[in-house]
ModelCIF file with pLDDT and N, C-alpha, C, O atoms, coordinates in Angstrom:
data_MODEL
#
_entry.id   MODEL 
#
_entity.id                         1 
_entity.type                       polymer 
_entity.pdbx_number_of_molecules   1 
#
_entity_poly.entity_id                      1 
_entity_poly.type                           'polypeptide(L)' 
_entity_poly.nstd_linkage                   no 
_entity_poly.nstd_monomer                   no 
_entity_poly.pdbx_seq_one_letter_code       
;(UNK)(UNK)(UNK)(UNK)(UNK)(UNK)(UNK)(UNK)(UNK)(UNK)(UNK)(UNK)(UNK)(UNK)(UNK)(UNK)
(UNK)(UNK)(UNK)(UNK)(UNK)(UNK)(UNK)(UNK)(UNK)(UNK)(UNK)(UNK)(UNK)(UNK)(UNK)(UNK)
(UNK)(UNK)(UNK)(UNK)(UNK)(UNK)(UNK)(UNK)(UNK)(UNK)(UNK)(UNK)(UNK)(UNK)(UNK)
;
_entity_poly.pdbx_seq_one_letter_code_can   XXXXXXXXXXXXXXXXXXXXXXXXXXXXXXXXXXXXXXXXXXXXXXX 
_entity_poly.pdbx_strand_id                 A 
#
loop_
_entity_poly_seq.entity_id 
_entity_poly_seq.num 
_entity_poly_seq.mon_id 
_entity_poly_seq.hetero 
1 1  UNK n 
1 2  UNK n 
1 3  UNK n 
1 4  UNK n 
1 5  UNK n 
1 6  UNK n 
1 7  UNK n 
1 8  UNK n 
1 9  UNK n 
1 10 UNK n 
1 11 UNK n 
1 12 UNK n 
1 13 UNK n 
1 14 UNK n 
1 15 UNK n 
1 16 UNK n 
1 17 UNK n 
1 18 UNK n 
1 19 UNK n 
1 20 UNK n 
1 21 UNK n 
1 22 UNK n 
1 23 UNK n 
1 24 UNK n 
1 25 UNK n 
1 26 UNK n 
1 27 UNK n 
1 28 UNK n 
1 29 UNK n 
1 30 UNK n 
1 31 UNK n 
1 32 UNK n 
1 33 UNK n 
1 34 UNK n 
1 35 UNK n 
1 36 UNK n 
1 37 UNK n 
1 38 UNK n 
1 39 UNK n 
1 40 UNK n 
1 41 UNK n 
1 42 UNK n 
1 43 UNK n 
1 44 UNK n 
1 45 UNK n 
1 46 UNK n 
1 47 UNK n 
#
_struct_asym.id          A 
_struct_asym.entity_id   1 
#
loop_
_ma_qa_metric.id 
_ma_qa_metric.mode 
_ma_qa_metric.name 
_ma_qa_metric.software_group_id 
_ma_qa_metric.type 
1 global pLDDT . pLDDT 
2 local  pLDDT . pLDDT 
#
_ma_qa_metric_global.metric_id      1 
_ma_qa_metric_global.metric_value   86.04 
_ma_qa_metric_global.model_id       1 
_ma_qa_metric_global.ordinal_id     1 
#
loop_
_ma_qa_metric_local.label_asym_id 
_ma_qa_metric_local.label_comp_id 
_ma_qa_metric_local.label_seq_id 
_ma_qa_metric_local.metric_id 
_ma_qa_metric_local.metric_value 
_ma_qa_metric_local.model_id 
_ma_qa_metric_local.ordinal_id 
A UNK 1  2 94.00 1 1  
A UNK 2  2 95.00 1 2  
A UNK 3  2 94.00 1 3  
A UNK 4  2 93.00 1 4  
A UNK 5  2 94.00 1 5  
A UNK 6  2 92.00 1 6  
A UNK 7  2 92.00 1 7  
A UNK 8  2 89.00 1 8  
A UNK 9  2 88.00 1 9  
A UNK 10 2 87.00 1 10 
A UNK 11 2 87.00 1 11 
A UNK 12 2 87.00 1 12 
A UNK 13 2 89.00 1 13 
A UNK 14 2 87.00 1 14 
A UNK 15 2 86.00 1 15 
A UNK 16 2 87.00 1 16 
A UNK 17 2 88.00 1 17 
A UNK 18 2 90.00 1 18 
A UNK 19 2 88.00 1 19 
A UNK 20 2 83.00 1 20 
A UNK 21 2 76.00 1 21 
A UNK 22 2 74.00 1 22 
A UNK 23 2 69.00 1 23 
A UNK 24 2 59.00 1 24 
A UNK 25 2 54.00 1 25 
A UNK 26 2 64.00 1 26 
A UNK 27 2 75.00 1 27 
A UNK 28 2 83.00 1 28 
A UNK 29 2 83.00 1 29 
A UNK 30 2 83.00 1 30 
A UNK 31 2 84.00 1 31 
A UNK 32 2 82.00 1 32 
A UNK 33 2 78.00 1 33 
A UNK 34 2 88.00 1 34 
A UNK 35 2 91.00 1 35 
A UNK 36 2 88.00 1 36 
A UNK 37 2 90.00 1 37 
A UNK 38 2 94.00 1 38 
A UNK 39 2 94.00 1 39 
A UNK 40 2 91.00 1 40 
A UNK 41 2 93.00 1 41 
A UNK 42 2 95.00 1 42 
A UNK 43 2 94.00 1 43 
A UNK 44 2 92.00 1 44 
A UNK 45 2 94.00 1 45 
A UNK 46 2 92.00 1 46 
A UNK 47 2 94.00 1 47 
#
loop_
_atom_site.group_PDB 
_atom_site.id 
_atom_site.type_symbol 
_atom_site.label_atom_id 
_atom_site.label_alt_id 
_atom_site.label_comp_id 
_atom_site.label_asym_id 
_atom_site.label_entity_id 
_atom_site.label_seq_id 
_atom_site.pdbx_PDB_ins_code 
_atom_site.Cartn_x 
_atom_site.Cartn_y 
_atom_site.Cartn_z 
_atom_site.occupancy 
_atom_site.B_iso_or_equiv 
_atom_site.pdbx_formal_charge 
_atom_site.auth_seq_id 
_atom_site.auth_comp_id 
_atom_site.auth_asym_id 
_atom_site.auth_atom_id 
_atom_site.pdbx_PDB_model_num 
ATOM 1   N N  . UNK A 1 1  ? 107.929 122.616 105.343 1.00 94.00 ? 1  UNK A N  1 
ATOM 2   C CA . UNK A 1 1  ? 109.144 122.902 104.574 1.00 94.00 ? 1  UNK A CA 1 
ATOM 3   C C  . UNK A 1 1  ? 109.357 121.895 103.451 1.00 94.00 ? 1  UNK A C  1 
ATOM 4   O O  . UNK A 1 1  ? 109.705 122.276 102.333 1.00 94.00 ? 1  UNK A O  1 
ATOM 5   N N  . UNK A 1 2  ? 109.152 120.625 103.738 1.00 95.00 ? 2  UNK A N  1 
ATOM 6   C CA . UNK A 1 2  ? 109.287 119.585 102.712 1.00 95.00 ? 2  UNK A CA 1 
ATOM 7   C C  . UNK A 1 2  ? 108.231 119.763 101.623 1.00 95.00 ? 2  UNK A C  1 
ATOM 8   O O  . UNK A 1 2  ? 108.529 119.645 100.435 1.00 95.00 ? 2  UNK A O  1 
ATOM 9   N N  . UNK A 1 3  ? 106.998 120.048 102.036 1.00 94.00 ? 3  UNK A N  1 
ATOM 10  C CA . UNK A 1 3  ? 105.896 120.238 101.080 1.00 94.00 ? 3  UNK A CA 1 
ATOM 11  C C  . UNK A 1 3  ? 106.200 121.393 100.134 1.00 94.00 ? 3  UNK A C  1 
ATOM 12  O O  . UNK A 1 3  ? 105.975 121.296 98.928  1.00 94.00 ? 3  UNK A O  1 
ATOM 13  N N  . UNK A 1 4  ? 106.713 122.489 100.694 1.00 93.00 ? 4  UNK A N  1 
ATOM 14  C CA . UNK A 1 4  ? 107.029 123.659 99.865  1.00 93.00 ? 4  UNK A CA 1 
ATOM 15  C C  . UNK A 1 4  ? 108.240 123.397 98.984  1.00 93.00 ? 4  UNK A C  1 
ATOM 16  O O  . UNK A 1 4  ? 108.276 123.819 97.828  1.00 93.00 ? 4  UNK A O  1 
ATOM 17  N N  . UNK A 1 5  ? 109.224 122.704 99.525  1.00 94.00 ? 5  UNK A N  1 
ATOM 18  C CA . UNK A 1 5  ? 110.451 122.441 98.765  1.00 94.00 ? 5  UNK A CA 1 
ATOM 19  C C  . UNK A 1 5  ? 110.169 121.633 97.504  1.00 94.00 ? 5  UNK A C  1 
ATOM 20  O O  . UNK A 1 5  ? 110.831 121.814 96.483  1.00 94.00 ? 5  UNK A O  1 
ATOM 21  N N  . UNK A 1 6  ? 109.195 120.753 97.579  1.00 92.00 ? 6  UNK A N  1 
ATOM 22  C CA . UNK A 1 6  ? 108.860 119.915 96.420  1.00 92.00 ? 6  UNK A CA 1 
ATOM 23  C C  . UNK A 1 6  ? 107.598 120.402 95.704  1.00 92.00 ? 6  UNK A C  1 
ATOM 24  O O  . UNK A 1 6  ? 107.040 119.694 94.865  1.00 92.00 ? 6  UNK A O  1 
ATOM 25  N N  . UNK A 1 7  ? 107.154 121.613 96.040  1.00 92.00 ? 7  UNK A N  1 
ATOM 26  C CA . UNK A 1 7  ? 106.043 122.284 95.346  1.00 92.00 ? 7  UNK A CA 1 
ATOM 27  C C  . UNK A 1 7  ? 104.758 121.435 95.344  1.00 92.00 ? 7  UNK A C  1 
ATOM 28  O O  . UNK A 1 7  ? 103.965 121.505 94.404  1.00 92.00 ? 7  UNK A O  1 
ATOM 29  N N  . UNK A 1 8  ? 104.565 120.650 96.382  1.00 89.00 ? 8  UNK A N  1 
ATOM 30  C CA . UNK A 1 8  ? 103.404 119.758 96.424  1.00 89.00 ? 8  UNK A CA 1 
ATOM 31  C C  . UNK A 1 8  ? 102.094 120.528 96.544  1.00 89.00 ? 8  UNK A C  1 
ATOM 32  O O  . UNK A 1 8  ? 101.103 120.192 95.895  1.00 89.00 ? 8  UNK A O  1 
ATOM 33  N N  . UNK A 1 9  ? 102.100 121.554 97.373  1.00 88.00 ? 9  UNK A N  1 
ATOM 34  C CA . UNK A 1 9  ? 100.865 122.330 97.516  1.00 88.00 ? 9  UNK A CA 1 
ATOM 35  C C  . UNK A 1 9  ? 100.634 123.202 96.289  1.00 88.00 ? 9  UNK A C  1 
ATOM 36  O O  . UNK A 1 9  ? 99.508  123.321 95.806  1.00 88.00 ? 9  UNK A O  1 
ATOM 37  N N  . UNK A 1 10 ? 101.695 123.806 95.791  1.00 87.00 ? 10 UNK A N  1 
ATOM 38  C CA . UNK A 1 10 ? 101.584 124.696 94.626  1.00 87.00 ? 10 UNK A CA 1 
ATOM 39  C C  . UNK A 1 10 ? 101.041 123.961 93.403  1.00 87.00 ? 10 UNK A C  1 
ATOM 40  O O  . UNK A 1 10 ? 100.225 124.504 92.657  1.00 87.00 ? 10 UNK A O  1 
ATOM 41  N N  . UNK A 1 11 ? 101.494 122.732 93.203  1.00 87.00 ? 11 UNK A N  1 
ATOM 42  C CA . UNK A 1 11 ? 101.094 121.987 92.021  1.00 87.00 ? 11 UNK A CA 1 
ATOM 43  C C  . UNK A 1 11 ? 99.817  121.168 92.207  1.00 87.00 ? 11 UNK A C  1 
ATOM 44  O O  . UNK A 1 11 ? 99.062  120.966 91.255  1.00 87.00 ? 11 UNK A O  1 
ATOM 45  N N  . UNK A 1 12 ? 99.576  120.697 93.433  1.00 87.00 ? 12 UNK A N  1 
ATOM 46  C CA . UNK A 1 12 ? 98.457  119.769 93.656  1.00 87.00 ? 12 UNK A CA 1 
ATOM 47  C C  . UNK A 1 12 ? 97.423  120.260 94.670  1.00 87.00 ? 12 UNK A C  1 
ATOM 48  O O  . UNK A 1 12 ? 96.471  119.543 94.980  1.00 87.00 ? 12 UNK A O  1 
ATOM 49  N N  . UNK A 1 13 ? 97.608  121.493 95.195  1.00 89.00 ? 13 UNK A N  1 
ATOM 50  C CA . UNK A 1 13 ? 96.673  122.021 96.200  1.00 89.00 ? 13 UNK A CA 1 
ATOM 51  C C  . UNK A 1 13 ? 96.528  121.009 97.345  1.00 89.00 ? 13 UNK A C  1 
ATOM 52  O O  . UNK A 1 13 ? 95.424  120.750 97.825  1.00 89.00 ? 13 UNK A O  1 
ATOM 53  N N  . UNK A 1 14 ? 97.647  120.451 97.762  1.00 87.00 ? 14 UNK A N  1 
ATOM 54  C CA . UNK A 1 14 ? 97.625  119.262 98.624  1.00 87.00 ? 14 UNK A CA 1 
ATOM 55  C C  . UNK A 1 14 ? 97.092  119.530 100.021 1.00 87.00 ? 14 UNK A C  1 
ATOM 56  O O  . UNK A 1 14 ? 96.477  118.652 100.627 1.00 87.00 ? 14 UNK A O  1 
ATOM 57  N N  . UNK A 1 15 ? 97.321  120.743 100.546 1.00 86.00 ? 15 UNK A N  1 
ATOM 58  C CA . UNK A 1 15 ? 96.866  121.035 101.901 1.00 86.00 ? 15 UNK A CA 1 
ATOM 59  C C  . UNK A 1 15 ? 95.346  121.104 101.982 1.00 86.00 ? 15 UNK A C  1 
ATOM 60  O O  . UNK A 1 15 ? 94.757  120.859 103.035 1.00 86.00 ? 15 UNK A O  1 
ATOM 61  N N  . UNK A 1 16 ? 94.730  121.436 100.878 1.00 87.00 ? 16 UNK A N  1 
ATOM 62  C CA . UNK A 1 16 ? 93.264  121.495 100.841 1.00 87.00 ? 16 UNK A CA 1 
ATOM 63  C C  . UNK A 1 16 ? 92.680  120.179 100.334 1.00 87.00 ? 16 UNK A C  1 
ATOM 64  O O  . UNK A 1 16 ? 91.718  119.662 100.902 1.00 87.00 ? 16 UNK A O  1 
ATOM 65  N N  . UNK A 1 17 ? 93.257  119.646 99.281  1.00 88.00 ? 17 UNK A N  1 
ATOM 66  C CA . UNK A 1 17 ? 92.742  118.436 98.636  1.00 88.00 ? 17 UNK A CA 1 
ATOM 67  C C  . UNK A 1 17 ? 92.793  117.221 99.558  1.00 88.00 ? 17 UNK A C  1 
ATOM 68  O O  . UNK A 1 17 ? 91.907  116.368 99.512  1.00 88.00 ? 17 UNK A O  1 
ATOM 69  N N  . UNK A 1 18 ? 93.842  117.139 100.407 1.00 90.00 ? 18 UNK A N  1 
ATOM 70  C CA . UNK A 1 18 ? 94.005  115.971 101.268 1.00 90.00 ? 18 UNK A CA 1 
ATOM 71  C C  . UNK A 1 18 ? 93.721  116.272 102.744 1.00 90.00 ? 18 UNK A C  1 
ATOM 72  O O  . UNK A 1 18 ? 94.182  115.547 103.625 1.00 90.00 ? 18 UNK A O  1 
ATOM 73  N N  . UNK A 1 19 ? 92.979  117.317 103.008 1.00 88.00 ? 19 UNK A N  1 
ATOM 74  C CA . UNK A 1 19 ? 92.597  117.635 104.389 1.00 88.00 ? 19 UNK A CA 1 
ATOM 75  C C  . UNK A 1 19 ? 91.722  116.519 104.961 1.00 88.00 ? 19 UNK A C  1 
ATOM 76  O O  . UNK A 1 19 ? 90.787  116.067 104.302 1.00 88.00 ? 19 UNK A O  1 
ATOM 77  N N  . UNK A 1 20 ? 92.021  116.074 106.182 1.00 83.00 ? 20 UNK A N  1 
ATOM 78  C CA . UNK A 1 20 ? 91.275  114.982 106.804 1.00 83.00 ? 20 UNK A CA 1 
ATOM 79  C C  . UNK A 1 20 ? 89.797  115.328 106.952 1.00 83.00 ? 20 UNK A C  1 
ATOM 80  O O  . UNK A 1 20 ? 88.943  114.449 106.838 1.00 83.00 ? 20 UNK A O  1 
ATOM 81  N N  . UNK A 1 21 ? 89.492  116.576 107.201 1.00 76.00 ? 21 UNK A N  1 
ATOM 82  C CA . UNK A 1 21 ? 88.096  116.970 107.425 1.00 76.00 ? 21 UNK A CA 1 
ATOM 83  C C  . UNK A 1 21 ? 87.279  116.944 106.142 1.00 76.00 ? 21 UNK A C  1 
ATOM 84  O O  . UNK A 1 21 ? 86.053  116.851 106.184 1.00 76.00 ? 21 UNK A O  1 
ATOM 85  N N  . UNK A 1 22 ? 87.960  117.026 104.995 1.00 74.00 ? 22 UNK A N  1 
ATOM 86  C CA . UNK A 1 22 ? 87.242  116.983 103.717 1.00 74.00 ? 22 UNK A CA 1 
ATOM 87  C C  . UNK A 1 22 ? 87.203  115.589 103.120 1.00 74.00 ? 22 UNK A C  1 
ATOM 88  O O  . UNK A 1 22 ? 86.248  115.232 102.429 1.00 74.00 ? 22 UNK A O  1 
ATOM 89  N N  . UNK A 1 23 ? 88.237  114.798 103.383 1.00 69.00 ? 23 UNK A N  1 
ATOM 90  C CA . UNK A 1 23 ? 88.319  113.493 102.737 1.00 69.00 ? 23 UNK A CA 1 
ATOM 91  C C  . UNK A 1 23 ? 87.444  112.445 103.418 1.00 69.00 ? 23 UNK A C  1 
ATOM 92  O O  . UNK A 1 23 ? 86.912  111.555 102.755 1.00 69.00 ? 23 UNK A O  1 
ATOM 93  N N  . UNK A 1 24 ? 87.292  112.548 104.736 1.00 59.00 ? 24 UNK A N  1 
ATOM 94  C CA . UNK A 1 24 ? 86.481  111.608 105.517 1.00 59.00 ? 24 UNK A CA 1 
ATOM 95  C C  . UNK A 1 24 ? 86.866  110.172 105.172 1.00 59.00 ? 24 UNK A C  1 
ATOM 96  O O  . UNK A 1 24 ? 88.055  109.856 105.142 1.00 59.00 ? 24 UNK A O  1 
ATOM 97  N N  . UNK A 1 25 ? 85.893  109.290 104.909 1.00 54.00 ? 25 UNK A N  1 
ATOM 98  C CA . UNK A 1 25 ? 86.198  107.869 104.734 1.00 54.00 ? 25 UNK A CA 1 
ATOM 99  C C  . UNK A 1 25 ? 86.974  107.544 103.457 1.00 54.00 ? 25 UNK A C  1 
ATOM 100 O O  . UNK A 1 25 ? 87.516  106.446 103.329 1.00 54.00 ? 25 UNK A O  1 
ATOM 101 N N  . UNK A 1 26 ? 87.033  108.472 102.526 1.00 64.00 ? 26 UNK A N  1 
ATOM 102 C CA . UNK A 1 26 ? 87.662  108.159 101.242 1.00 64.00 ? 26 UNK A CA 1 
ATOM 103 C C  . UNK A 1 26 ? 89.183  108.190 101.299 1.00 64.00 ? 26 UNK A C  1 
ATOM 104 O O  . UNK A 1 26 ? 89.832  107.866 100.305 1.00 64.00 ? 26 UNK A O  1 
ATOM 105 N N  . UNK A 1 27 ? 89.773  108.571 102.432 1.00 75.00 ? 27 UNK A N  1 
ATOM 106 C CA . UNK A 1 27 ? 91.226  108.736 102.432 1.00 75.00 ? 27 UNK A CA 1 
ATOM 107 C C  . UNK A 1 27 ? 91.977  107.407 102.577 1.00 75.00 ? 27 UNK A C  1 
ATOM 108 O O  . UNK A 1 27 ? 93.180  107.355 102.322 1.00 75.00 ? 27 UNK A O  1 
ATOM 109 N N  . UNK A 1 28 ? 91.290  106.337 102.982 1.00 83.00 ? 28 UNK A N  1 
ATOM 110 C CA . UNK A 1 28 ? 91.935  105.026 103.092 1.00 83.00 ? 28 UNK A CA 1 
ATOM 111 C C  . UNK A 1 28 ? 91.735  104.244 101.795 1.00 83.00 ? 28 UNK A C  1 
ATOM 112 O O  . UNK A 1 28 ? 90.610  104.083 101.322 1.00 83.00 ? 28 UNK A O  1 
ATOM 113 N N  . UNK A 1 29 ? 92.846  103.760 101.225 1.00 83.00 ? 29 UNK A N  1 
ATOM 114 C CA . UNK A 1 29 ? 92.793  103.062 99.942  1.00 83.00 ? 29 UNK A CA 1 
ATOM 115 C C  . UNK A 1 29 ? 93.678  101.822 99.982  1.00 83.00 ? 29 UNK A C  1 
ATOM 116 O O  . UNK A 1 29 ? 94.578  101.744 100.818 1.00 83.00 ? 29 UNK A O  1 
ATOM 117 N N  . UNK A 1 30 ? 93.447  100.853 99.100  1.00 83.00 ? 30 UNK A N  1 
ATOM 118 C CA . UNK A 1 30 ? 94.265  99.630  99.094  1.00 83.00 ? 30 UNK A CA 1 
ATOM 119 C C  . UNK A 1 30 ? 95.660  99.860  98.522  1.00 83.00 ? 30 UNK A C  1 
ATOM 120 O O  . UNK A 1 30 ? 95.875  100.785 97.738  1.00 83.00 ? 30 UNK A O  1 
ATOM 121 N N  . UNK A 1 31 ? 96.598  99.015  98.918  1.00 84.00 ? 31 UNK A N  1 
ATOM 122 C CA . UNK A 1 31 ? 97.956  99.083  98.379  1.00 84.00 ? 31 UNK A CA 1 
ATOM 123 C C  . UNK A 1 31 ? 97.992  98.495  96.972  1.00 84.00 ? 31 UNK A C  1 
ATOM 124 O O  . UNK A 1 31 ? 97.347  97.487  96.685  1.00 84.00 ? 31 UNK A O  1 
ATOM 125 N N  . UNK A 1 32 ? 98.761  99.148  96.105  1.00 82.00 ? 32 UNK A N  1 
ATOM 126 C CA . UNK A 1 32 ? 98.961  98.588  94.765  1.00 82.00 ? 32 UNK A CA 1 
ATOM 127 C C  . UNK A 1 32 ? 100.275 97.801  94.753  1.00 82.00 ? 32 UNK A C  1 
ATOM 128 O O  . UNK A 1 32 ? 101.080 97.928  95.676  1.00 82.00 ? 32 UNK A O  1 
ATOM 129 N N  . UNK A 1 33 ? 100.490 97.008  93.736  1.00 78.00 ? 33 UNK A N  1 
ATOM 130 C CA . UNK A 1 33 ? 101.669 96.136  93.692  1.00 78.00 ? 33 UNK A CA 1 
ATOM 131 C C  . UNK A 1 33 ? 102.977 96.935  93.646  1.00 78.00 ? 33 UNK A C  1 
ATOM 132 O O  . UNK A 1 33 ? 103.965 96.531  94.259  1.00 78.00 ? 33 UNK A O  1 
ATOM 133 N N  . UNK A 1 34 ? 102.993 98.053  92.933  1.00 88.00 ? 34 UNK A N  1 
ATOM 134 C CA . UNK A 1 34 ? 104.206 98.875  92.856  1.00 88.00 ? 34 UNK A CA 1 
ATOM 135 C C  . UNK A 1 34 ? 104.547 99.451  94.227  1.00 88.00 ? 34 UNK A C  1 
ATOM 136 O O  . UNK A 1 34 ? 105.714 99.499  94.614  1.00 88.00 ? 34 UNK A O  1 
ATOM 137 N N  . UNK A 1 35 ? 103.531 99.885  94.953  1.00 91.00 ? 35 UNK A N  1 
ATOM 138 C CA . UNK A 1 35 ? 103.746 100.403 96.306  1.00 91.00 ? 35 UNK A CA 1 
ATOM 139 C C  . UNK A 1 35 ? 104.347 99.326  97.196  1.00 91.00 ? 35 UNK A C  1 
ATOM 140 O O  . UNK A 1 35 ? 105.262 99.601  97.973  1.00 91.00 ? 35 UNK A O  1 
ATOM 141 N N  . UNK A 1 36 ? 103.841 98.107  97.089  1.00 88.00 ? 36 UNK A N  1 
ATOM 142 C CA . UNK A 1 36 ? 104.350 97.007  97.910  1.00 88.00 ? 36 UNK A CA 1 
ATOM 143 C C  . UNK A 1 36 ? 105.827 96.735  97.631  1.00 88.00 ? 36 UNK A C  1 
ATOM 144 O O  . UNK A 1 36 ? 106.584 96.411  98.546  1.00 88.00 ? 36 UNK A O  1 
ATOM 145 N N  . UNK A 1 37 ? 106.232 96.866  96.382  1.00 90.00 ? 37 UNK A N  1 
ATOM 146 C CA . UNK A 1 37 ? 107.637 96.667  96.031  1.00 90.00 ? 37 UNK A CA 1 
ATOM 147 C C  . UNK A 1 37 ? 108.524 97.707  96.709  1.00 90.00 ? 37 UNK A C  1 
ATOM 148 O O  . UNK A 1 37 ? 109.585 97.381  97.241  1.00 90.00 ? 37 UNK A O  1 
ATOM 149 N N  . UNK A 1 38 ? 108.074 98.969  96.682  1.00 94.00 ? 38 UNK A N  1 
ATOM 150 C CA . UNK A 1 38 ? 108.852 100.053 97.292  1.00 94.00 ? 38 UNK A CA 1 
ATOM 151 C C  . UNK A 1 38 ? 108.937 99.865  98.803  1.00 94.00 ? 38 UNK A C  1 
ATOM 152 O O  . UNK A 1 38 ? 109.991 100.090 99.399  1.00 94.00 ? 38 UNK A O  1 
ATOM 153 N N  . UNK A 1 39 ? 107.838 99.457  99.419  1.00 94.00 ? 39 UNK A N  1 
ATOM 154 C CA . UNK A 1 39 ? 107.829 99.232  100.868 1.00 94.00 ? 39 UNK A CA 1 
ATOM 155 C C  . UNK A 1 39 ? 108.797 98.124  101.246 1.00 94.00 ? 39 UNK A C  1 
ATOM 156 O O  . UNK A 1 39 ? 109.480 98.215  102.266 1.00 94.00 ? 39 UNK A O  1 
ATOM 157 N N  . UNK A 1 40 ? 108.861 97.082  100.435 1.00 91.00 ? 40 UNK A N  1 
ATOM 158 C CA . UNK A 1 40 ? 109.795 95.980  100.699 1.00 91.00 ? 40 UNK A CA 1 
ATOM 159 C C  . UNK A 1 40 ? 111.239 96.474  100.633 1.00 91.00 ? 40 UNK A C  1 
ATOM 160 O O  . UNK A 1 40 ? 112.077 96.052  101.431 1.00 91.00 ? 40 UNK A O  1 
ATOM 161 N N  . UNK A 1 41 ? 111.533 97.363  99.686  1.00 93.00 ? 41 UNK A N  1 
ATOM 162 C CA . UNK A 1 41 ? 112.877 97.929  99.579  1.00 93.00 ? 41 UNK A CA 1 
ATOM 163 C C  . UNK A 1 41 ? 113.234 98.723  100.825 1.00 93.00 ? 41 UNK A C  1 
ATOM 164 O O  . UNK A 1 41 ? 114.357 98.636  101.322 1.00 93.00 ? 41 UNK A O  1 
ATOM 165 N N  . UNK A 1 42 ? 112.275 99.503  101.332 1.00 95.00 ? 42 UNK A N  1 
ATOM 166 C CA . UNK A 1 42 ? 112.515 100.308 102.535 1.00 95.00 ? 42 UNK A CA 1 
ATOM 167 C C  . UNK A 1 42 ? 112.773 99.406  103.744 1.00 95.00 ? 42 UNK A C  1 
ATOM 168 O O  . UNK A 1 42 ? 113.666 99.678  104.546 1.00 95.00 ? 42 UNK A O  1 
ATOM 169 N N  . UNK A 1 43 ? 111.994 98.341  103.870 1.00 94.00 ? 43 UNK A N  1 
ATOM 170 C CA . UNK A 1 43 ? 112.099 97.463  105.031 1.00 94.00 ? 43 UNK A CA 1 
ATOM 171 C C  . UNK A 1 43 ? 113.427 96.713  105.091 1.00 94.00 ? 43 UNK A C  1 
ATOM 172 O O  . UNK A 1 43 ? 113.941 96.464  106.181 1.00 94.00 ? 43 UNK A O  1 
ATOM 173 N N  . UNK A 1 44 ? 113.990 96.348  103.941 1.00 92.00 ? 44 UNK A N  1 
ATOM 174 C CA . UNK A 1 44 ? 115.231 95.550  103.946 1.00 92.00 ? 44 UNK A CA 1 
ATOM 175 C C  . UNK A 1 44 ? 116.484 96.404  103.795 1.00 92.00 ? 44 UNK A C  1 
ATOM 176 O O  . UNK A 1 44 ? 117.594 95.879  103.881 1.00 92.00 ? 44 UNK A O  1 
ATOM 177 N N  . UNK A 1 45 ? 116.335 97.709  103.571 1.00 94.00 ? 45 UNK A N  1 
ATOM 178 C CA . UNK A 1 45 ? 117.499 98.563  103.326 1.00 94.00 ? 45 UNK A CA 1 
ATOM 179 C C  . UNK A 1 45 ? 118.384 98.687  104.565 1.00 94.00 ? 45 UNK A C  1 
ATOM 180 O O  . UNK A 1 45 ? 117.883 98.860  105.676 1.00 94.00 ? 45 UNK A O  1 
ATOM 181 N N  . UNK A 1 46 ? 119.709 98.596  104.369 1.00 92.00 ? 46 UNK A N  1 
ATOM 182 C CA . UNK A 1 46 ? 120.669 98.674  105.465 1.00 92.00 ? 46 UNK A CA 1 
ATOM 183 C C  . UNK A 1 46 ? 121.612 99.870  105.344 1.00 92.00 ? 46 UNK A C  1 
ATOM 184 O O  . UNK A 1 46 ? 122.610 99.934  106.062 1.00 92.00 ? 46 UNK A O  1 
ATOM 185 N N  . UNK A 1 47 ? 121.319 100.811 104.459 1.00 94.00 ? 47 UNK A N  1 
ATOM 186 C CA . UNK A 1 47 ? 122.203 101.966 104.286 1.00 94.00 ? 47 UNK A CA 1 
ATOM 187 C C  . UNK A 1 47 ? 122.234 102.834 105.545 1.00 94.00 ? 47 UNK A C  1 
ATOM 188 O O  . UNK A 1 47 ? 122.928 103.850 105.577 1.00 94.00 ? 47 UNK A O  1 
#
């Protein structure tokens, strides 16, 4: 429902492109600095 609501599959073919059986070892990637900033915001949020 979330995937469809944000048109992720329609725009990016996400269910096929990111299938675990197709991606194999390539699906694990390093964190970038912008991602780390967002994660820090999530961890300290008290809302």
